[in-house]
């Protein structure tokens, strides 16, 4: 059976015809996470490593070009302390293969490998108090959603994601977890 049967698609088209929703290019572009303008300045005594703050409040570290393993370890330790005190939830670190010796210093601060592609490893650190909400590296994604219609008043149930752009509504659902039964 195909992922969506013809009957389902026909019913869905009828549903959208009866209960139209307005999707604009502006609403779609505002849904994608954008890099925020806030950046940490270049390092100095007691300052965190240079980093960008992403749309989710995490930081992406800009690896300094001229740093020894010892100096990097100290800078990273201080940076993690600062980010935790600011309430940051995640830190990302891209380590090129040519500088892979720096991954050990990151591991000592709690960073783990997220994924590796060609000549670069991406390490992540979850700093939230609860279980990590960082996404696994995507090999594939399976989305699941449902449409709930109250025919007595013509309303359709839609929801907003907590961490997404305002005024972006969707059917309830989301991505399934690996090995989750549907």
Protein backbone atom coordinates (compact mmCIF):
# COMPACT_ATOMS: atom_id res chain seq x y z
CA UNK A 1 0.00 0.00 0.00
CA UNK A 2 1.30 3.45 -0.89
CA UNK A 3 2.07 5.86 1.97
CA UNK A 4 -1.06 7.81 1.07
CA UNK A 5 -3.91 5.98 -0.60
CA UNK A 6 -5.99 7.70 -3.27
CA UNK A 7 -8.95 7.68 -0.90
CA UNK A 8 -6.97 9.49 1.77
CA UNK A 9 -5.73 12.12 -0.69
CA UNK A 10 -9.24 12.68 -2.05
CA UNK A 11 -10.61 13.08 1.49
CA UNK A 12 -7.78 15.43 2.38
CA UNK A 13 -8.43 17.59 -0.71
CA UNK A 14 -12.13 17.77 0.25
CA UNK A 15 -11.16 18.74 3.78
CA UNK A 16 -8.92 21.55 2.53
CA UNK A 17 -11.62 22.73 0.13
CA UNK A 18 -14.20 22.83 2.90
CA UNK A 19 -11.84 24.30 5.50
CA UNK A 20 -9.29 26.32 3.54
CA UNK A 21 -6.11 27.45 5.21
CA UNK A 22 -3.91 30.25 4.02
CA UNK A 23 -0.25 29.43 3.50
CA UNK A 24 1.96 32.22 2.26
CA UNK A 25 5.62 32.30 1.31
CA UNK A 26 6.16 34.62 4.29
CA UNK A 27 4.69 32.14 6.75
CA UNK A 28 6.77 29.33 5.28
CA UNK A 29 10.01 31.31 5.35
CA UNK A 30 9.39 32.45 8.92
CA UNK A 31 9.00 28.82 9.99
CA UNK A 32 12.61 27.89 9.22
CA UNK A 33 15.02 28.59 12.07
CA UNK A 34 17.26 31.54 11.34
CA UNK A 35 20.63 32.39 12.78
CA UNK A 36 20.19 35.24 15.22
CA UNK A 37 22.41 38.29 15.00
CA UNK A 38 23.80 37.87 18.52
CA UNK A 39 27.38 36.71 18.47
CA UNK A 40 29.97 36.28 21.14
CA UNK A 41 32.97 38.51 20.44
CA UNK A 42 36.44 37.19 19.76
CA UNK A 43 38.10 35.64 22.77
CA UNK A 44 40.00 37.54 25.37
CA UNK A 45 40.98 36.93 28.97
CA UNK A 46 37.98 35.31 30.71
CA UNK A 47 35.75 35.63 27.62
CA UNK A 48 34.03 32.64 26.02
CA UNK A 49 35.08 31.29 22.65
CA UNK A 50 33.67 33.15 19.65
CA UNK A 51 30.25 31.66 18.85
CA UNK A 52 26.92 32.38 17.15
CA UNK A 53 23.59 31.98 18.92
CA UNK A 54 21.07 30.01 16.89
CA UNK A 55 17.27 30.37 16.75
CA UNK A 56 16.87 27.77 19.50
CA UNK A 57 19.17 29.50 21.97
CA UNK A 58 22.10 27.15 21.40
CA UNK A 59 25.60 28.25 20.49
CA UNK A 60 27.74 27.23 17.53
CA UNK A 61 31.40 27.58 18.42
CA UNK A 62 33.79 29.21 15.95
CA UNK A 63 36.96 27.19 16.40
CA UNK A 64 39.97 29.50 16.79
CA UNK A 65 42.66 29.00 14.16
CA UNK A 66 45.68 29.49 16.37
CA UNK A 67 45.02 27.65 19.61
CA UNK A 68 46.90 24.87 21.36
CA UNK A 69 45.13 21.88 22.88
CA UNK A 70 45.81 23.16 26.40
CA UNK A 71 44.60 26.68 25.66
CA UNK A 72 41.52 25.35 23.85
CA UNK A 73 40.66 23.11 26.80
CA UNK A 74 40.79 26.09 29.19
CA UNK A 75 38.82 28.35 26.83
CA UNK A 76 36.18 25.70 26.28
CA UNK A 77 35.83 25.01 30.02
CA UNK A 78 35.28 28.73 30.69
CA UNK A 79 32.92 29.06 27.70
CA UNK A 80 30.73 26.15 28.86
CA UNK A 81 30.56 27.74 32.32
CA UNK A 82 29.42 31.07 30.79
CA UNK A 83 26.89 29.42 28.47
CA UNK A 84 25.38 27.40 31.32
CA UNK A 85 25.08 30.55 33.46
CA UNK A 86 23.25 32.25 30.56
CA UNK A 87 20.80 29.36 30.32
CA UNK A 88 21.98 28.09 26.94
CA UNK A 89 20.71 24.61 26.22
CA UNK A 90 23.13 23.32 23.60
CA UNK A 91 26.54 23.89 22.10
CA UNK A 92 27.77 22.69 18.72
CA UNK A 93 31.41 22.33 17.71
CA UNK A 94 32.66 21.55 14.21
CA UNK A 95 36.11 19.97 14.28
CA UNK A 96 37.95 19.50 10.98
CA UNK A 97 39.93 16.28 10.60
CA UNK A 98 43.18 18.25 10.55
CA UNK A 99 42.42 19.48 14.10
CA UNK A 100 40.86 16.31 15.50
CA UNK A 101 43.16 16.44 18.54
CA UNK A 102 40.82 19.17 19.89
CA UNK A 103 37.95 16.66 20.09
CA UNK A 104 39.52 15.12 23.20
CA UNK A 105 39.41 18.46 25.03
CA UNK A 106 35.75 18.82 24.02
CA UNK A 107 34.96 15.28 25.22
CA UNK A 108 36.41 16.13 28.63
CA UNK A 109 33.84 18.97 28.84
CA UNK A 110 30.97 16.57 28.04
CA UNK A 111 30.76 16.97 24.26
CA UNK A 112 29.83 13.84 22.30
CA UNK A 113 30.00 13.02 18.60
CA UNK A 114 26.81 13.98 16.81
CA UNK A 115 27.89 13.06 13.29
CA UNK A 116 30.83 13.15 10.90
CA UNK A 117 30.86 13.96 7.22
CA UNK A 118 33.95 13.65 5.01
CA UNK A 119 36.66 15.61 6.81
CA UNK A 120 34.68 17.13 9.68
CA UNK A 121 33.19 15.86 12.94
CA UNK A 122 30.33 17.70 14.63
CA UNK A 123 30.24 17.44 18.41
CA UNK A 124 27.34 18.51 20.59
CA UNK A 125 26.80 19.27 24.25
CA UNK A 126 23.34 19.30 25.84
CA UNK A 127 23.32 21.69 28.81
CA UNK A 128 19.64 21.47 29.72
CA UNK A 129 18.73 19.87 33.02
CA UNK A 130 16.50 17.19 31.52
CA UNK A 131 17.17 14.49 28.92
CA UNK A 132 18.71 15.83 25.72
CA UNK A 133 16.27 17.18 23.14
CA UNK A 134 18.95 17.49 20.46
CA UNK A 135 17.85 15.79 17.25
CA UNK A 136 19.69 12.70 16.11
CA UNK A 137 21.64 13.07 12.89
CA UNK A 138 19.12 12.72 10.09
CA UNK A 139 19.43 9.68 7.87
CA UNK A 140 15.71 9.89 7.16
CA UNK A 141 12.63 11.35 8.78
CA UNK A 142 9.12 10.03 9.15
CA UNK A 143 6.46 12.61 9.86
CA UNK A 144 3.09 11.76 11.33
CA UNK A 145 0.10 14.10 11.57
CA UNK A 146 -3.62 13.89 12.06
CA UNK A 147 -6.54 16.03 11.01
CA UNK A 148 -9.28 16.56 13.59
CA UNK A 149 -12.49 18.16 12.31
CA UNK A 150 -15.44 19.21 14.45
CA UNK A 151 -18.23 19.02 11.89
CA UNK A 152 -20.76 20.64 14.22
CA UNK A 153 -19.00 24.00 14.09
CA UNK A 154 -16.70 23.60 11.07
CA UNK A 155 -13.48 23.95 13.05
CA UNK A 156 -10.21 22.14 12.42
CA UNK A 157 -7.72 21.46 15.21
CA UNK A 158 -4.34 23.08 14.58
CA UNK A 159 -1.40 23.61 16.92
CA UNK A 160 1.68 25.79 17.21
CA UNK A 161 5.13 24.40 17.99
CA UNK A 162 6.50 25.82 21.22
CA UNK A 163 9.88 26.82 19.76
CA UNK A 164 8.81 27.88 16.28
CA UNK A 165 7.80 31.13 14.63
CA UNK A 166 4.57 32.79 15.72
CA UNK A 167 1.50 32.61 13.46
CA UNK A 168 2.61 29.28 11.99
CA UNK A 169 -0.07 26.69 12.56
CA UNK A 170 -0.03 23.00 11.66
CA UNK A 171 -1.95 19.78 12.14
CA UNK A 172 -1.01 17.98 15.37
CA UNK A 173 1.85 15.56 14.87
CA UNK A 174 5.57 15.52 14.44
CA UNK A 175 8.51 13.30 13.66
CA UNK A 176 8.57 9.74 14.84
CA UNK A 177 11.46 8.49 16.94
CA UNK A 178 13.73 5.68 15.70
CA UNK A 179 12.09 2.28 16.23
CA UNK A 180 8.79 3.91 17.26
CA UNK A 181 5.71 1.99 16.13
CA UNK A 182 3.22 3.99 14.13
